[in-house]
Amino acid sequence: MLADQFIAAASGAANSHALDQISRQLWRVHAEGHIAEADAEALSESIEGRRAALAGKVVLGHAD
């Protein structure tokens, strides 16, 4: 499933630049109709959770 690929990519991202690229690609794929709005939003939240984890911040609802 495409969403699983985005989750794996975000989980393995080493820095915020990589997360920026993943996020842009996510919304491009969503605009092309390959990922539903709700899934794109959930994936975006996961990306932001990873971004916070890389920055050393604690985010409610994420156990990264």
Protein backbone atom coordinates (compact mmCIF):
# COMPACT_ATOMS: atom_id res chain seq x y z
CA MET A 1 0.00 0.00 0.00
CA LEU A 2 1.27 3.45 -0.89
CA ALA A 3 0.56 4.85 2.59
CA ASP A 4 2.85 2.20 4.11
CA GLN A 5 5.66 3.37 1.85
CA PHE A 6 5.24 6.93 3.11
CA ILE A 7 5.24 5.76 6.72
CA ALA A 8 8.43 3.79 6.14
CA ALA A 9 10.09 6.73 4.39
CA ALA A 10 9.16 9.14 7.18
CA SER A 11 10.28 6.73 9.88
CA GLY A 12 13.63 6.32 8.20
CA ALA A 13 14.18 10.00 7.44
CA ALA A 14 17.43 11.26 8.91
CA ASN A 15 16.69 14.99 8.85
CA SER A 16 14.06 17.65 8.24
CA HIS A 17 15.16 18.14 4.62
CA ALA A 18 14.25 14.51 3.88
CA LEU A 19 10.91 15.00 5.64
CA ASP A 20 10.23 18.09 3.52
CA GLN A 21 10.76 16.05 0.37
CA ILE A 22 8.51 13.25 1.65
CA SER A 23 5.81 15.75 2.57
CA ARG A 24 5.91 17.40 -0.88
CA GLN A 25 5.69 14.02 -2.55
CA LEU A 26 2.80 12.99 -0.29
CA TRP A 27 0.71 16.00 -1.25
CA ARG A 28 1.60 15.61 -4.93
CA VAL A 29 0.41 11.99 -4.84
CA HIS A 30 -2.74 13.11 -3.01
CA ALA A 31 -3.41 15.79 -5.65
CA GLU A 32 -3.09 13.11 -8.33
CA GLY A 33 -5.79 11.11 -6.55
CA HIS A 34 -3.65 8.20 -5.36
CA ILE A 35 -4.16 8.83 -1.62
CA ALA A 36 -7.40 9.89 0.05
CA GLU A 37 -7.59 13.16 2.00
CA ALA A 38 -7.96 11.44 5.37
CA ASP A 39 -4.95 9.20 4.70
CA ALA A 40 -2.85 12.15 3.53
CA GLU A 41 -3.71 14.09 6.67
CA ALA A 42 -2.83 11.13 8.91
CA LEU A 43 0.46 10.64 7.06
CA SER A 44 1.22 14.34 7.35
CA GLU A 45 0.71 14.11 11.12
CA SER A 46 3.13 11.17 11.20
CA ILE A 47 5.68 13.20 9.26
CA GLU A 48 5.33 16.08 11.71
CA GLY A 49 5.70 13.65 14.60
CA ARG A 50 8.95 12.39 13.10
CA ARG A 51 10.08 15.98 12.58
CA ALA A 52 9.46 16.69 16.27
CA ALA A 53 11.28 13.52 17.29
CA LEU A 54 14.31 14.54 15.22
CA ALA A 55 14.23 17.94 16.90
CA GLY A 56 14.10 16.24 20.31
CA LYS A 57 10.63 17.50 21.16
CA VAL A 58 7.82 15.55 22.79
CA VAL A 59 4.56 15.52 20.84
CA LEU A 60 1.31 14.41 22.46
CA GLY A 61 -0.11 11.35 20.79
CA HIS A 62 3.20 10.26 19.26
CA ALA A 63 5.54 7.74 20.81
CA ASP A 64 8.43 8.17 18.38
